[in-house]
Amino acid sequence: MKSDRFTDAQIMGVIRQAEGGVPVPDLCREHGISHATFYRWRAKYGGMDASMISQ
């Protein structure tokens, strides 16, 4: 099975940057992810905080 390239904490960091006002295309370019990956992460992890991820 393929190992994940990003940890849950890193994904949350990317989502927080987007919520802070950084444009999505800039985030995707900076982190080397596609727009689809970002929006999939946002759908899965959006609205969570760090304590909810570890459960």
C-alpha atoms as a PDB file:
ATOM      1  CA  MET A   1       0.000   0.000   0.000  1.00  0.00           C
ATOM      2  CA  LYS A   2       1.244   3.481  -0.846  1.00  0.00           C
ATOM      3  CA  SER A   3       2.379   5.563   2.109  1.00  0.00           C
ATOM      4  CA  ASP A   4       0.943   9.032   2.515  1.00  0.00           C
ATOM      5  CA  ARG A   5       3.130  11.916   1.476  1.00  0.00           C
ATOM      6  CA  PHE A   6       1.552  14.380   3.908  1.00  0.00           C
ATOM      7  CA  THR A   7       0.669  13.891   7.562  1.00  0.00           C
ATOM      8  CA  ASP A   8      -2.693  14.938   8.952  1.00  0.00           C
ATOM      9  CA  ALA A   9      -1.018  17.871  10.696  1.00  0.00           C
ATOM     10  CA  GLN A  10       0.528  19.070   7.435  1.00  0.00           C
ATOM     11  CA  ILE A  11      -2.844  18.827   5.672  1.00  0.00           C
ATOM     12  CA  MET A  12      -4.455  20.874   8.435  1.00  0.00           C
ATOM     13  CA  GLY A  13      -1.710  23.478   8.015  1.00  0.00           C
ATOM     14  CA  VAL A  14      -2.447  23.810   4.301  1.00  0.00           C
ATOM     15  CA  ILE A  15      -6.174  24.176   4.984  1.00  0.00           C
ATOM     16  CA  ARG A  16      -5.512  26.809   7.666  1.00  0.00           C
ATOM     17  CA  GLN A  17      -3.369  28.779   5.212  1.00  0.00           C
ATOM     18  CA  ALA A  18      -6.264  28.797   2.738  1.00  0.00           C
ATOM     19  CA  GLU A  19      -8.661  29.932   5.460  1.00  0.00           C
ATOM     20  CA  GLY A  20      -6.176  32.692   6.265  1.00  0.00           C
ATOM     21  CA  GLY A  21      -6.495  34.133   2.776  1.00  0.00           C
ATOM     22  CA  VAL A  22      -3.702  32.532   0.760  1.00  0.00           C
ATOM     23  CA  PRO A  23      -4.986  31.844  -2.774  1.00  0.00           C
ATOM     24  CA  VAL A  24      -5.555  28.139  -3.501  1.00  0.00           C
ATOM     25  CA  PRO A  25      -3.473  28.100  -6.717  1.00  0.00           C
ATOM     26  CA  ASP A  26      -0.497  29.506  -4.788  1.00  0.00           C
ATOM     27  CA  LEU A  27      -0.900  26.895  -2.040  1.00  0.00           C
ATOM     28  CA  CYS A  28      -1.125  24.061  -4.543  1.00  0.00           C
ATOM     29  CA  ARG A  29       1.995  25.223  -6.340  1.00  0.00           C
ATOM     30  CA  GLU A  30       3.924  25.725  -3.094  1.00  0.00           C
ATOM     31  CA  HIS A  31       3.076  22.282  -1.690  1.00  0.00           C
ATOM     32  CA  GLY A  32       3.127  20.376  -4.978  1.00  0.00           C
ATOM     33  CA  ILE A  33      -0.493  19.203  -4.909  1.00  0.00           C
ATOM     34  CA  SER A  34      -3.317  19.416  -7.428  1.00  0.00           C
ATOM     35  CA  HIS A  35      -6.406  21.545  -6.963  1.00  0.00           C
ATOM     36  CA  ALA A  36      -8.468  18.360  -6.737  1.00  0.00           C
ATOM     37  CA  THR A  37      -6.304  17.101  -3.875  1.00  0.00           C
ATOM     38  CA  PHE A  38      -6.723  20.369  -1.993  1.00  0.00           C
ATOM     39  CA  TYR A  39     -10.510  20.346  -2.355  1.00  0.00           C
ATOM     40  CA  ARG A  40     -10.656  16.659  -1.340  1.00  0.00           C
ATOM     41  CA  TRP A  41      -8.633  17.475   1.781  1.00  0.00           C
ATOM     42  CA  ARG A  42     -10.881  20.436   2.538  1.00  0.00           C
ATOM     43  CA  ALA A  43     -13.986  18.263   2.222  1.00  0.00           C
ATOM     44  CA  LYS A  44     -12.489  15.659   4.564  1.00  0.00           C
ATOM     45  CA  TYR A  45     -10.653  17.834   7.110  1.00  0.00           C
ATOM     46  CA  GLY A  46     -12.441  21.202   6.854  1.00  0.00           C
ATOM     47  CA  GLY A  47     -13.923  22.333  10.151  1.00  0.00           C
ATOM     48  CA  MET A  48     -11.785  19.943  12.207  1.00  0.00           C
ATOM     49  CA  ASP A  49      -9.207  20.960  14.742  1.00  0.00           C
ATOM     50  CA  ALA A  50      -6.103  19.045  15.852  1.00  0.00           C
ATOM     51  CA  SER A  51      -7.886  17.183  18.650  1.00  0.00           C
ATOM     52  CA  MET A  52     -10.460  15.749  16.233  1.00  0.00           C
ATOM     53  CA  ILE A  53      -7.834  14.300  13.892  1.00  0.00           C
ATOM     54  CA  SER A  54      -6.105  12.101  16.453  1.00  0.00           C
ATOM     55  CA  GLN A  55      -9.301  10.201  17.275  1.00  0.00           C
END
